[in-house]
mmCIF file of all heavy atoms, coordinates in Angstrom:
data_MODEL
# 
_entry.id   MODEL 
# 
loop_
_atom_site.group_PDB 
_atom_site.id 
_atom_site.type_symbol 
_atom_site.label_atom_id 
_atom_site.label_alt_id 
_atom_site.label_comp_id 
_atom_site.label_asym_id 
_atom_site.label_entity_id 
_atom_site.label_seq_id 
_atom_site.pdbx_PDB_ins_code 
_atom_site.Cartn_x 
_atom_site.Cartn_y 
_atom_site.Cartn_z 
_atom_site.occupancy 
_atom_site.B_iso_or_equiv 
_atom_site.pdbx_formal_charge 
_atom_site.auth_seq_id 
_atom_site.auth_comp_id 
_atom_site.auth_asym_id 
_atom_site.auth_atom_id 
_atom_site.pdbx_PDB_model_num 
ATOM 1   N N   . GLN A 1 1  ? -3.187  -17.018 42.768 1.00 0.00 ? 1  GLN A N   1 
ATOM 2   C CA  . GLN A 1 1  ? -2.579  -18.373 42.612 1.00 0.00 ? 1  GLN A CA  1 
ATOM 3   C C   . GLN A 1 1  ? -3.585  -19.354 41.954 1.00 0.00 ? 1  GLN A C   1 
ATOM 4   O O   . GLN A 1 1  ? -3.099  -20.107 41.068 1.00 0.00 ? 1  GLN A O   1 
ATOM 5   C CB  . GLN A 1 1  ? -2.272  -18.930 43.960 1.00 0.00 ? 1  GLN A CB  1 
ATOM 6   C CG  . GLN A 1 1  ? -1.053  -18.232 44.649 1.00 0.00 ? 1  GLN A CG  1 
ATOM 7   C CD  . GLN A 1 1  ? -0.857  -18.696 46.093 1.00 0.00 ? 1  GLN A CD  1 
ATOM 8   O OE1 . GLN A 1 1  ? -1.674  -19.374 46.802 1.00 0.00 ? 1  GLN A OE1 1 
ATOM 9   N NE2 . GLN A 1 1  ? 0.335   -18.457 46.626 1.00 0.00 ? 1  GLN A NE2 1 
ATOM 10  N N   . THR A 1 2  ? -4.849  -19.210 42.203 1.00 0.00 ? 2  THR A N   1 
ATOM 11  C CA  . THR A 1 2  ? -5.836  -20.069 41.479 1.00 0.00 ? 2  THR A CA  1 
ATOM 12  C C   . THR A 1 2  ? -5.821  -19.762 40.025 1.00 0.00 ? 2  THR A C   1 
ATOM 13  O O   . THR A 1 2  ? -5.866  -20.695 39.158 1.00 0.00 ? 2  THR A O   1 
ATOM 14  C CB  . THR A 1 2  ? -7.181  -19.852 42.135 1.00 0.00 ? 2  THR A CB  1 
ATOM 15  O OG1 . THR A 1 2  ? -7.167  -20.319 43.486 1.00 0.00 ? 2  THR A OG1 1 
ATOM 16  C CG2 . THR A 1 2  ? -8.240  -20.787 41.332 1.00 0.00 ? 2  THR A CG2 1 
ATOM 17  N N   . GLU A 1 3  ? -5.884  -18.444 39.647 1.00 0.00 ? 3  GLU A N   1 
ATOM 18  C CA  . GLU A 1 3  ? -5.883  -18.077 38.249 1.00 0.00 ? 3  GLU A CA  1 
ATOM 19  C C   . GLU A 1 3  ? -4.613  -18.527 37.518 1.00 0.00 ? 3  GLU A C   1 
ATOM 20  O O   . GLU A 1 3  ? -4.618  -18.820 36.309 1.00 0.00 ? 3  GLU A O   1 
ATOM 21  C CB  . GLU A 1 3  ? -6.083  -16.509 38.114 1.00 0.00 ? 3  GLU A CB  1 
ATOM 22  C CG  . GLU A 1 3  ? -7.459  -16.109 38.618 1.00 0.00 ? 3  GLU A CG  1 
ATOM 23  C CD  . GLU A 1 3  ? -7.621  -14.584 38.622 1.00 0.00 ? 3  GLU A CD  1 
ATOM 24  O OE1 . GLU A 1 3  ? -6.532  -13.869 38.406 1.00 0.00 ? 3  GLU A OE1 1 
ATOM 25  O OE2 . GLU A 1 3  ? -8.810  -14.122 38.773 1.00 0.00 ? 3  GLU A OE2 1 
ATOM 26  N N   . LEU A 1 4  ? -3.507  -18.331 38.285 1.00 0.00 ? 4  LEU A N   1 
ATOM 27  C CA  . LEU A 1 4  ? -2.192  -18.740 37.658 1.00 0.00 ? 4  LEU A CA  1 
ATOM 28  C C   . LEU A 1 4  ? -2.115  -20.200 37.357 1.00 0.00 ? 4  LEU A C   1 
ATOM 29  O O   . LEU A 1 4  ? -1.701  -20.599 36.284 1.00 0.00 ? 4  LEU A O   1 
ATOM 30  C CB  . LEU A 1 4  ? -1.006  -18.364 38.663 1.00 0.00 ? 4  LEU A CB  1 
ATOM 31  C CG  . LEU A 1 4  ? 0.413   -18.681 38.206 1.00 0.00 ? 4  LEU A CG  1 
ATOM 32  C CD1 . LEU A 1 4  ? 0.713   -18.070 36.802 1.00 0.00 ? 4  LEU A CD1 1 
ATOM 33  C CD2 . LEU A 1 4  ? 1.486   -18.378 39.144 1.00 0.00 ? 4  LEU A CD2 1 
ATOM 34  N N   . ALA A 1 5  ? -2.634  -21.036 38.288 1.00 0.00 ? 5  ALA A N   1 
ATOM 35  C CA  . ALA A 1 5  ? -2.729  -22.479 38.041 1.00 0.00 ? 5  ALA A CA  1 
ATOM 36  C C   . ALA A 1 5  ? -3.696  -22.813 36.818 1.00 0.00 ? 5  ALA A C   1 
ATOM 37  O O   . ALA A 1 5  ? -3.328  -23.698 36.065 1.00 0.00 ? 5  ALA A O   1 
ATOM 38  C CB  . ALA A 1 5  ? -3.198  -23.187 39.331 1.00 0.00 ? 5  ALA A CB  1 
ATOM 39  N N   . THR A 1 6  ? -4.714  -22.071 36.766 1.00 0.00 ? 6  THR A N   1 
ATOM 40  C CA  . THR A 1 6  ? -5.709  -22.408 35.690 1.00 0.00 ? 6  THR A CA  1 
ATOM 41  C C   . THR A 1 6  ? -4.949  -21.943 34.345 1.00 0.00 ? 6  THR A C   1 
ATOM 42  O O   . THR A 1 6  ? -5.109  -22.684 33.342 1.00 0.00 ? 6  THR A O   1 
ATOM 43  C CB  . THR A 1 6  ? -6.974  -21.541 35.806 1.00 0.00 ? 6  THR A CB  1 
ATOM 44  O OG1 . THR A 1 6  ? -7.626  -21.856 37.113 1.00 0.00 ? 6  THR A OG1 1 
ATOM 45  C CG2 . THR A 1 6  ? -7.956  -21.775 34.657 1.00 0.00 ? 6  THR A CG2 1 
ATOM 46  N N   . THR A 1 7  ? -4.311  -20.837 34.363 1.00 0.00 ? 7  THR A N   1 
ATOM 47  C CA  . THR A 1 7  ? -3.588  -20.384 33.096 1.00 0.00 ? 7  THR A CA  1 
ATOM 48  C C   . THR A 1 7  ? -2.523  -21.402 32.738 1.00 0.00 ? 7  THR A C   1 
ATOM 49  O O   . THR A 1 7  ? -2.372  -21.724 31.511 1.00 0.00 ? 7  THR A O   1 
ATOM 50  C CB  . THR A 1 7  ? -2.992  -19.083 33.421 1.00 0.00 ? 7  THR A CB  1 
ATOM 51  O OG1 . THR A 1 7  ? -4.006  -18.104 33.724 1.00 0.00 ? 7  THR A OG1 1 
ATOM 52  C CG2 . THR A 1 7  ? -2.278  -18.497 32.035 1.00 0.00 ? 7  THR A CG2 1 
ATOM 53  N N   . ARG A 1 8  ? -1.738  -21.920 33.649 1.00 0.00 ? 8  ARG A N   1 
ATOM 54  C CA  . ARG A 1 8  ? -0.761  -22.975 33.363 1.00 0.00 ? 8  ARG A CA  1 
ATOM 55  C C   . ARG A 1 8  ? -1.351  -24.230 32.806 1.00 0.00 ? 8  ARG A C   1 
ATOM 56  O O   . ARG A 1 8  ? -0.805  -24.780 31.808 1.00 0.00 ? 8  ARG A O   1 
ATOM 57  C CB  . ARG A 1 8  ? 0.041   -23.195 34.617 1.00 0.00 ? 8  ARG A CB  1 
ATOM 58  C CG  . ARG A 1 8  ? 0.941   -22.118 35.092 1.00 0.00 ? 8  ARG A CG  1 
ATOM 59  C CD  . ARG A 1 8  ? 1.667   -22.458 36.403 1.00 0.00 ? 8  ARG A CD  1 
ATOM 60  N NE  . ARG A 1 8  ? 2.639   -21.472 36.719 1.00 0.00 ? 8  ARG A NE  1 
ATOM 61  C CZ  . ARG A 1 8  ? 3.351   -21.391 37.881 1.00 0.00 ? 8  ARG A CZ  1 
ATOM 62  N NH1 . ARG A 1 8  ? 3.050   -22.357 38.800 1.00 0.00 ? 8  ARG A NH1 1 
ATOM 63  N NH2 . ARG A 1 8  ? 4.216   -20.416 38.152 1.00 0.00 ? 8  ARG A NH2 1 
ATOM 64  N N   . GLU A 1 9  ? -2.504  -24.509 33.323 1.00 0.00 ? 9  GLU A N   1 
ATOM 65  C CA  . GLU A 1 9  ? -3.157  -25.831 32.855 1.00 0.00 ? 9  GLU A CA  1 
ATOM 66  C C   . GLU A 1 9  ? -3.652  -25.622 31.334 1.00 0.00 ? 9  GLU A C   1 
ATOM 67  O O   . GLU A 1 9  ? -3.355  -26.492 30.502 1.00 0.00 ? 9  GLU A O   1 
ATOM 68  C CB  . GLU A 1 9  ? -4.379  -26.110 33.708 1.00 0.00 ? 9  GLU A CB  1 
ATOM 69  C CG  . GLU A 1 9  ? -4.026  -26.590 35.116 1.00 0.00 ? 9  GLU A CG  1 
ATOM 70  C CD  . GLU A 1 9  ? -5.243  -26.958 35.916 1.00 0.00 ? 9  GLU A CD  1 
ATOM 71  O OE1 . GLU A 1 9  ? -6.339  -26.637 35.371 1.00 0.00 ? 9  GLU A OE1 1 
ATOM 72  O OE2 . GLU A 1 9  ? -5.140  -27.381 36.952 1.00 0.00 ? 9  GLU A OE2 1 
ATOM 73  N N   . ARG A 1 10 ? -4.137  -24.376 31.059 1.00 0.00 ? 10 ARG A N   1 
ATOM 74  C CA  . ARG A 1 10 ? -4.635  -23.988 29.671 1.00 0.00 ? 10 ARG A CA  1 
ATOM 75  C C   . ARG A 1 10 ? -3.341  -23.956 28.722 1.00 0.00 ? 10 ARG A C   1 
ATOM 76  O O   . ARG A 1 10 ? -3.407  -24.571 27.688 1.00 0.00 ? 10 ARG A O   1 
ATOM 77  C CB  . ARG A 1 10 ? -5.240  -22.629 29.610 1.00 0.00 ? 10 ARG A CB  1 
ATOM 78  C CG  . ARG A 1 10 ? -6.643  -22.765 30.283 1.00 0.00 ? 10 ARG A CG  1 
ATOM 79  C CD  . ARG A 1 10 ? -7.322  -21.360 30.319 1.00 0.00 ? 10 ARG A CD  1 
ATOM 80  N NE  . ARG A 1 10 ? -8.663  -21.422 30.901 1.00 0.00 ? 10 ARG A NE  1 
ATOM 81  C CZ  . ARG A 1 10 ? -9.395  -20.349 31.149 1.00 0.00 ? 10 ARG A CZ  1 
ATOM 82  N NH1 . ARG A 1 10 ? -8.944  -19.092 30.743 1.00 0.00 ? 10 ARG A NH1 1 
ATOM 83  N NH2 . ARG A 1 10 ? -10.567 -20.311 31.710 1.00 0.00 ? 10 ARG A NH2 1 
ATOM 84  N N   . LEU A 1 11 ? -2.349  -23.414 29.219 1.00 0.00 ? 11 LEU A N   1 
ATOM 85  C CA  . LEU A 1 11 ? -1.008  -23.343 28.449 1.00 0.00 ? 11 LEU A CA  1 
ATOM 86  C C   . LEU A 1 11 ? -0.505  -24.743 28.142 1.00 0.00 ? 11 LEU A C   1 
ATOM 87  O O   . LEU A 1 11 ? -0.145  -24.977 26.942 1.00 0.00 ? 11 LEU A O   1 
ATOM 88  C CB  . LEU A 1 11 ? -0.048  -22.528 29.129 1.00 0.00 ? 11 LEU A CB  1 
ATOM 89  C CG  . LEU A 1 11 ? 1.303   -22.361 28.435 1.00 0.00 ? 11 LEU A CG  1 
ATOM 90  C CD1 . LEU A 1 11 ? 1.074   -21.680 26.982 1.00 0.00 ? 11 LEU A CD1 1 
ATOM 91  C CD2 . LEU A 1 11 ? 2.286   -21.603 29.235 1.00 0.00 ? 11 LEU A CD2 1 
ATOM 92  N N   . ALA A 1 12 ? -0.505  -25.540 29.046 1.00 0.00 ? 12 ALA A N   1 
ATOM 93  C CA  . ALA A 1 12 ? -0.045  -26.951 28.884 1.00 0.00 ? 12 ALA A CA  1 
ATOM 94  C C   . ALA A 1 12 ? -0.946  -27.668 27.977 1.00 0.00 ? 12 ALA A C   1 
ATOM 95  O O   . ALA A 1 12 ? -0.455  -28.447 27.109 1.00 0.00 ? 12 ALA A O   1 
ATOM 96  C CB  . ALA A 1 12 ? 0.005   -27.684 30.189 1.00 0.00 ? 12 ALA A CB  1 
ATOM 97  N N   . PHE A 1 13 ? -2.268  -27.398 27.936 1.00 0.00 ? 13 PHE A N   1 
ATOM 98  C CA  . PHE A 1 13 ? -3.201  -28.057 27.037 1.00 0.00 ? 13 PHE A CA  1 
ATOM 99  C C   . PHE A 1 13 ? -2.958  -27.637 25.620 1.00 0.00 ? 13 PHE A C   1 
ATOM 100 O O   . PHE A 1 13 ? -2.886  -28.431 24.773 1.00 0.00 ? 13 PHE A O   1 
ATOM 101 C CB  . PHE A 1 13 ? -4.627  -27.793 27.463 1.00 0.00 ? 13 PHE A CB  1 
ATOM 102 C CG  . PHE A 1 13 ? -5.708  -28.224 26.480 1.00 0.00 ? 13 PHE A CG  1 
ATOM 103 C CD1 . PHE A 1 13 ? -6.035  -29.621 26.505 1.00 0.00 ? 13 PHE A CD1 1 
ATOM 104 C CD2 . PHE A 1 13 ? -6.368  -27.373 25.674 1.00 0.00 ? 13 PHE A CD2 1 
ATOM 105 C CE1 . PHE A 1 13 ? -6.993  -29.984 25.630 1.00 0.00 ? 13 PHE A CE1 1 
ATOM 106 C CE2 . PHE A 1 13 ? -7.274  -27.764 24.806 1.00 0.00 ? 13 PHE A CE2 1 
ATOM 107 C CZ  . PHE A 1 13 ? -7.585  -29.126 24.720 1.00 0.00 ? 13 PHE A CZ  1 
ATOM 108 N N   . TYR A 1 14 ? -2.816  -26.299 25.420 1.00 0.00 ? 14 TYR A N   1 
ATOM 109 C CA  . TYR A 1 14 ? -2.548  -25.803 24.099 1.00 0.00 ? 14 TYR A CA  1 
ATOM 110 C C   . TYR A 1 14 ? -1.197  -26.255 23.523 1.00 0.00 ? 14 TYR A C   1 
ATOM 111 O O   . TYR A 1 14 ? -1.096  -26.477 22.393 1.00 0.00 ? 14 TYR A O   1 
ATOM 112 C CB  . TYR A 1 14 ? -2.680  -24.237 24.085 1.00 0.00 ? 14 TYR A CB  1 
ATOM 113 C CG  . TYR A 1 14 ? -4.060  -23.782 24.212 1.00 0.00 ? 14 TYR A CG  1 
ATOM 114 C CD1 . TYR A 1 14 ? -4.345  -22.751 25.143 1.00 0.00 ? 14 TYR A CD1 1 
ATOM 115 C CD2 . TYR A 1 14 ? -5.117  -24.340 23.509 1.00 0.00 ? 14 TYR A CD2 1 
ATOM 116 C CE1 . TYR A 1 14 ? -5.685  -22.372 25.352 1.00 0.00 ? 14 TYR A CE1 1 
ATOM 117 C CE2 . TYR A 1 14 ? -6.461  -23.800 23.640 1.00 0.00 ? 14 TYR A CE2 1 
ATOM 118 C CZ  . TYR A 1 14 ? -6.733  -22.937 24.665 1.00 0.00 ? 14 TYR A CZ  1 
ATOM 119 O OH  . TYR A 1 14 ? -7.938  -22.396 24.699 1.00 0.00 ? 14 TYR A OH  1 
ATOM 120 N N   . GLU A 1 15 ? -0.230  -26.258 24.357 1.00 0.00 ? 15 GLU A N   1 
ATOM 121 C CA  . GLU A 1 15 ? 1.146   -26.706 23.993 1.00 0.00 ? 15 GLU A CA  1 
ATOM 122 C C   . GLU A 1 15 ? 1.046   -28.246 23.600 1.00 0.00 ? 15 GLU A C   1 
ATOM 123 O O   . GLU A 1 15 ? 1.819   -28.715 22.724 1.00 0.00 ? 15 GLU A O   1 
ATOM 124 C CB  . GLU A 1 15 ? 2.148   -26.531 25.153 1.00 0.00 ? 15 GLU A CB  1 
ATOM 125 C CG  . GLU A 1 15 ? 2.543   -25.087 25.252 1.00 0.00 ? 15 GLU A CG  1 
ATOM 126 C CD  . GLU A 1 15 ? 3.521   -24.857 26.381 1.00 0.00 ? 15 GLU A CD  1 
ATOM 127 O OE1 . GLU A 1 15 ? 3.733   -25.845 27.099 1.00 0.00 ? 15 GLU A OE1 1 
ATOM 128 O OE2 . GLU A 1 15 ? 4.156   -23.844 26.484 1.00 0.00 ? 15 GLU A OE2 1 
ATOM 129 N N   . GLN A 1 16 ? 0.143   -28.940 24.222 1.00 0.00 ? 16 GLN A N   1 
ATOM 130 C CA  . GLN A 1 16 ? -0.040  -30.364 23.857 1.00 0.00 ? 16 GLN A CA  1 
ATOM 131 C C   . GLN A 1 16 ? -0.635  -30.514 22.466 1.00 0.00 ? 16 GLN A C   1 
ATOM 132 O O   . GLN A 1 16 ? -0.364  -31.350 21.704 1.00 0.00 ? 16 GLN A O   1 
ATOM 133 C CB  . GLN A 1 16 ? -0.788  -31.120 24.922 1.00 0.00 ? 16 GLN A CB  1 
ATOM 134 C CG  . GLN A 1 16 ? -0.944  -32.591 24.653 1.00 0.00 ? 16 GLN A CG  1 
ATOM 135 C CD  . GLN A 1 16 ? -1.745  -33.237 25.795 1.00 0.00 ? 16 GLN A CD  1 
ATOM 136 O OE1 . GLN A 1 16 ? -2.326  -32.570 26.725 1.00 0.00 ? 16 GLN A OE1 1 
ATOM 137 N NE2 . GLN A 1 16 ? -1.804  -34.608 25.702 1.00 0.00 ? 16 GLN A NE2 1 
ATOM 138 N N   . LEU A 1 17 ? -1.585  -29.638 22.267 1.00 0.00 ? 17 LEU A N   1 
ATOM 139 C CA  . LEU A 1 17 ? -2.263  -29.701 20.907 1.00 0.00 ? 17 LEU A CA  1 
ATOM 140 C C   . LEU A 1 17 ? -1.323  -29.122 19.848 1.00 0.00 ? 17 LEU A C   1 
ATOM 141 O O   . LEU A 1 17 ? -1.480  -29.719 18.651 1.00 0.00 ? 17 LEU A O   1 
ATOM 142 C CB  . LEU A 1 17 ? -3.491  -28.690 20.911 1.00 0.00 ? 17 LEU A CB  1 
ATOM 143 C CG  . LEU A 1 17 ? -4.661  -29.167 21.851 1.00 0.00 ? 17 LEU A CG  1 
ATOM 144 C CD1 . LEU A 1 17 ? -5.834  -28.195 21.799 1.00 0.00 ? 17 LEU A CD1 1 
ATOM 145 C CD2 . LEU A 1 17 ? -5.143  -30.534 21.430 1.00 0.00 ? 17 LEU A CD2 1 
ATOM 146 N N   . LEU A 1 18 ? -0.548  -28.165 20.108 1.00 0.00 ? 18 LEU A N   1 
ATOM 147 C CA  . LEU A 1 18 ? 0.490   -27.642 19.150 1.00 0.00 ? 18 LEU A CA  1 
ATOM 148 C C   . LEU A 1 18 ? 1.824   -27.807 19.723 1.00 0.00 ? 18 LEU A C   1 
ATOM 149 O O   . LEU A 1 18 ? 2.432   -26.840 20.310 1.00 0.00 ? 18 LEU A O   1 
ATOM 150 C CB  . LEU A 1 18 ? 0.121   -26.223 18.970 1.00 0.00 ? 18 LEU A CB  1 
ATOM 151 C CG  . LEU A 1 18 ? -1.223  -25.806 18.266 1.00 0.00 ? 18 LEU A CG  1 
ATOM 152 C CD1 . LEU A 1 18 ? -1.470  -24.369 18.266 1.00 0.00 ? 18 LEU A CD1 1 
ATOM 153 C CD2 . LEU A 1 18 ? -1.180  -26.399 16.894 1.00 0.00 ? 18 LEU A CD2 1 
ATOM 154 N N   . PRO A 1 19 ? 2.482   -28.944 19.639 1.00 0.00 ? 19 PRO A N   1 
ATOM 155 C CA  . PRO A 1 19 ? 3.738   -29.185 20.215 1.00 0.00 ? 19 PRO A CA  1 
ATOM 156 C C   . PRO A 1 19 ? 4.768   -28.470 19.536 1.00 0.00 ? 19 PRO A C   1 
ATOM 157 O O   . PRO A 1 19 ? 4.653   -28.101 18.331 1.00 0.00 ? 19 PRO A O   1 
ATOM 158 C CB  . PRO A 1 19 ? 3.969   -30.751 20.037 1.00 0.00 ? 19 PRO A CB  1 
ATOM 159 C CG  . PRO A 1 19 ? 3.117   -31.042 18.807 1.00 0.00 ? 19 PRO A CG  1 
ATOM 160 C CD  . PRO A 1 19 ? 1.848   -30.169 18.957 1.00 0.00 ? 19 PRO A CD  1 
ATOM 161 N N   . PRO A 1 20 ? 5.794   -27.889 20.394 1.00 0.00 ? 20 PRO A N   1 
ATOM 162 C CA  . PRO A 1 20 ? 6.895   -27.213 19.743 1.00 0.00 ? 20 PRO A CA  1 
ATOM 163 C C   . PRO A 1 20 ? 7.693   -28.016 18.792 1.00 0.00 ? 20 PRO A C   1 
ATOM 164 O O   . PRO A 1 20 ? 7.930   -29.257 18.977 1.00 0.00 ? 20 PRO A O   1 
ATOM 165 C CB  . PRO A 1 20 ? 7.675   -26.782 20.895 1.00 0.00 ? 20 PRO A CB  1 
ATOM 166 C CG  . PRO A 1 20 ? 7.395   -27.853 21.906 1.00 0.00 ? 20 PRO A CG  1 
ATOM 167 C CD  . PRO A 1 20 ? 5.999   -28.189 21.807 1.00 0.00 ? 20 PRO A CD  1 
ATOM 168 N N   . GLY A 1 21 ? 8.186   -27.263 17.799 1.00 0.00 ? 21 GLY A N   1 
ATOM 169 C CA  . GLY A 1 21 ? 8.985   -27.973 16.784 1.00 0.00 ? 21 GLY A CA  1 
ATOM 170 C C   . GLY A 1 21 ? 10.586  -27.904 17.148 1.00 0.00 ? 21 GLY A C   1 
ATOM 171 O O   . GLY A 1 21 ? 10.927  -27.494 18.285 1.00 0.00 ? 21 GLY A O   1 
ATOM 172 N N   . PRO A 1 22 ? 11.421  -28.236 16.272 1.00 0.00 ? 22 PRO A N   1 
ATOM 173 C CA  . PRO A 1 22 ? 12.828  -28.045 16.546 1.00 0.00 ? 22 PRO A CA  1 
ATOM 174 C C   . PRO A 1 22 ? 13.227  -26.635 16.895 1.00 0.00 ? 22 PRO A C   1 
ATOM 175 O O   . PRO A 1 22 ? 12.588  -25.640 16.641 1.00 0.00 ? 22 PRO A O   1 
ATOM 176 C CB  . PRO A 1 22 ? 13.516  -28.525 15.199 1.00 0.00 ? 22 PRO A CB  1 
ATOM 177 C CG  . PRO A 1 22 ? 12.439  -29.258 14.475 1.00 0.00 ? 22 PRO A CG  1 
ATOM 178 C CD  . PRO A 1 22 ? 11.170  -28.643 14.920 1.00 0.00 ? 22 PRO A CD  1 
ATOM 179 N N   . ALA A 1 23 ? 14.395  -26.570 17.612 1.00 0.00 ? 23 ALA A N   1 
ATOM 180 C CA  . ALA A 1 23 ? 14.810  -25.201 17.986 1.00 0.00 ? 23 ALA A CA  1 
ATOM 181 C C   . ALA A 1 23 ? 14.979  -24.271 16.736 1.00 0.00 ? 23 ALA A C   1 
ATOM 182 O O   . ALA A 1 23 ? 15.574  -24.650 15.767 1.00 0.00 ? 23 ALA A O   1 
ATOM 183 C CB  . ALA A 1 23 ? 16.203  -25.304 18.729 1.00 0.00 ? 23 ALA A CB  1 
ATOM 184 N N   . GLY A 1 24 ? 14.366  -23.157 16.825 1.00 0.00 ? 24 GLY A N   1 
ATOM 185 C CA  . GLY A 1 24 ? 14.406  -22.068 15.768 1.00 0.00 ? 24 GLY A CA  1 
ATOM 186 C C   . GLY A 1 24 ? 13.306  -22.288 14.764 1.00 0.00 ? 24 GLY A C   1 
ATOM 187 O O   . GLY A 1 24 ? 13.195  -21.505 13.767 1.00 0.00 ? 24 GLY A O   1 
ATOM 188 N N   . ALA A 1 25 ? 12.459  -23.359 14.861 1.00 0.00 ? 25 ALA A N   1 
ATOM 189 C CA  . ALA A 1 25 ? 11.413  -23.656 13.864 1.00 0.00 ? 25 ALA A CA  1 
ATOM 190 C C   . ALA A 1 25 ? 10.298  -22.562 13.996 1.00 0.00 ? 25 ALA A C   1 
ATOM 191 O O   . ALA A 1 25 ? 9.844   -22.229 15.095 1.00 0.00 ? 25 ALA A O   1 
ATOM 192 C CB  . ALA A 1 25 ? 10.931  -25.011 13.908 1.00 0.00 ? 25 ALA A CB  1 
ATOM 193 N N   . VAL A 1 26 ? 9.829   -22.094 12.881 1.00 0.00 ? 26 VAL A N   1 
ATOM 194 C CA  . VAL A 1 26 ? 8.675   -21.193 12.792 1.00 0.00 ? 26 VAL A CA  1 
ATOM 195 C C   . VAL A 1 26 ? 7.358   -22.002 12.582 1.00 0.00 ? 26 VAL A C   1 
ATOM 196 O O   . VAL A 1 26 ? 7.257   -22.858 11.660 1.00 0.00 ? 26 VAL A O   1 
ATOM 197 C CB  . VAL A 1 26 ? 8.898   -20.173 11.703 1.00 0.00 ? 26 VAL A CB  1 
ATOM 198 C CG1 . VAL A 1 26 ? 7.629   -19.192 11.667 1.00 0.00 ? 26 VAL A CG1 1 
ATOM 199 C CG2 . VAL A 1 26 ? 10.135  -19.418 11.950 1.00 0.00 ? 26 VAL A CG2 1 
# 
């Protein structure tokens, strides 16, 4: 559970740095 929480925090951080584009965008 601790490792999963850490992974989720990292994923949220990277998603914030590289925000998703419009649906279907590459």
